[in-house]
Protein backbone atom coordinates (compact mmCIF):
# COMPACT_ATOMS: atom_id res chain seq x y z
CA MET A 1 0.19 -0.04 -0.24
CA LYS A 2 2.88 2.21 0.74
CA ALA A 3 4.22 1.72 -2.80
CA LEU A 4 1.12 2.33 -3.77
CA ALA A 5 0.67 5.57 -2.66
CA THR A 6 4.43 6.43 -3.19
CA ILE A 7 3.89 6.15 -7.18
CA ILE A 8 0.38 7.65 -7.21
CA GLY A 9 2.71 11.00 -5.41
CA ILE A 10 5.12 10.77 -8.53
CA ILE A 11 2.73 10.29 -10.47
CA THR A 12 0.48 12.68 -10.15
CA PRO A 13 2.17 16.32 -10.22
CA ALA A 14 3.87 15.50 -13.20
CA THR A 15 0.84 16.64 -15.50
CA ALA A 16 1.65 20.51 -14.11
CA PHE A 17 4.68 20.01 -15.85
CA ALA A 18 2.69 19.60 -19.30
CA ALA A 19 3.36 22.29 -22.11
CA SER A 20 0.49 24.16 -22.16
CA ALA A 21 -1.44 24.30 -25.71
CA GLU A 22 -1.05 27.80 -27.08
CA ARG A 23 1.51 29.02 -28.75
CA THR A 24 3.83 31.91 -27.99
CA ASP A 25 4.62 33.04 -31.44
CA ASN A 26 6.63 36.92 -30.92
CA SER A 27 7.64 37.06 -34.45
CA GLY A 28 7.39 40.61 -35.63
CA ILE A 29 6.87 42.44 -39.09
CA PHE A 30 11.21 42.85 -38.73
CA VAL A 31 11.25 38.75 -38.84
CA TRP A 32 9.09 37.95 -41.69
CA LEU A 33 10.81 40.56 -43.77
CA PHE A 34 14.24 39.17 -43.02
CA LEU A 35 12.86 35.26 -43.41
CA GLY A 36 11.49 37.21 -47.12
CA PHE A 37 14.37 38.08 -47.58
CA CYS A 38 16.54 35.76 -47.07
CA ALA A 39 14.40 33.05 -49.44
CA LEU A 40 14.31 35.81 -52.54
CA ILE A 41 18.16 35.44 -51.94
CA ILE A 42 17.54 31.31 -51.48
CA VAL A 43 15.53 31.41 -55.20
CA ALA A 44 17.93 33.92 -56.92
CA GLN A 45 20.61 31.69 -56.14
CA ALA A 46 18.21 28.74 -57.37
CA LEU A 47 17.25 29.71 -60.91
CA PRO A 48 20.02 29.44 -62.53
CA ALA A 49 20.90 27.01 -61.29
CA ILE A 50 18.61 24.76 -62.35
CA LEU A 51 18.38 26.88 -66.12
CA MET A 52 22.21 25.65 -66.23
CA LEU A 53 21.33 22.32 -66.11
CA LEU A 54 18.82 22.21 -68.17
CA GLY A 55 21.23 23.89 -70.95
CA VAL A 56 23.78 21.15 -70.05
CA THR A 57 20.85 18.28 -70.21
CA LYS A 58 19.90 19.71 -73.60
CA GLY A 59 23.34 19.58 -74.69
CA LEU A 60 24.22 16.47 -74.12
CA ARG A 61 21.33 15.30 -75.11
CA ALA A 62 22.04 16.47 -78.91
CA ARG A 63 25.07 15.69 -78.94
CA THR A 64 23.95 11.88 -78.11
CA GLU A 65 21.64 12.58 -80.84
CA ALA A 66 24.62 13.55 -83.08
CA ARG A 67 26.55 10.52 -82.24
CA GLU A 68 23.64 8.52 -83.14
CA THR A 69 23.06 10.13 -86.40
CA VAL A 70 27.48 10.33 -87.47
CA LYS A 71 27.19 6.01 -87.07
CA SER A 72 23.88 5.52 -88.59
C-alpha cells in the first residue's frame, strides 16, 4: 500500500509540467521580412543553377543524337 501511495504521489504532479496548448509567437514584421529576404536570395541563386542544369542536359542530349546520326 505504501508503494502505491508513493507511485501516485510521483505521477500526479507530473501532469503539472505538461506543455500548454497555446503557442506564443513573438515574431514581428521584421523577422518575416528577413525570412522573406533570405528566401529571395535562395531563389535567386537556385534559378540560374536550374537553368544551367537544363542547358547541360539539352546539350548532352543533342550530342548523343549527333553521335547516333553519324553512326547510322
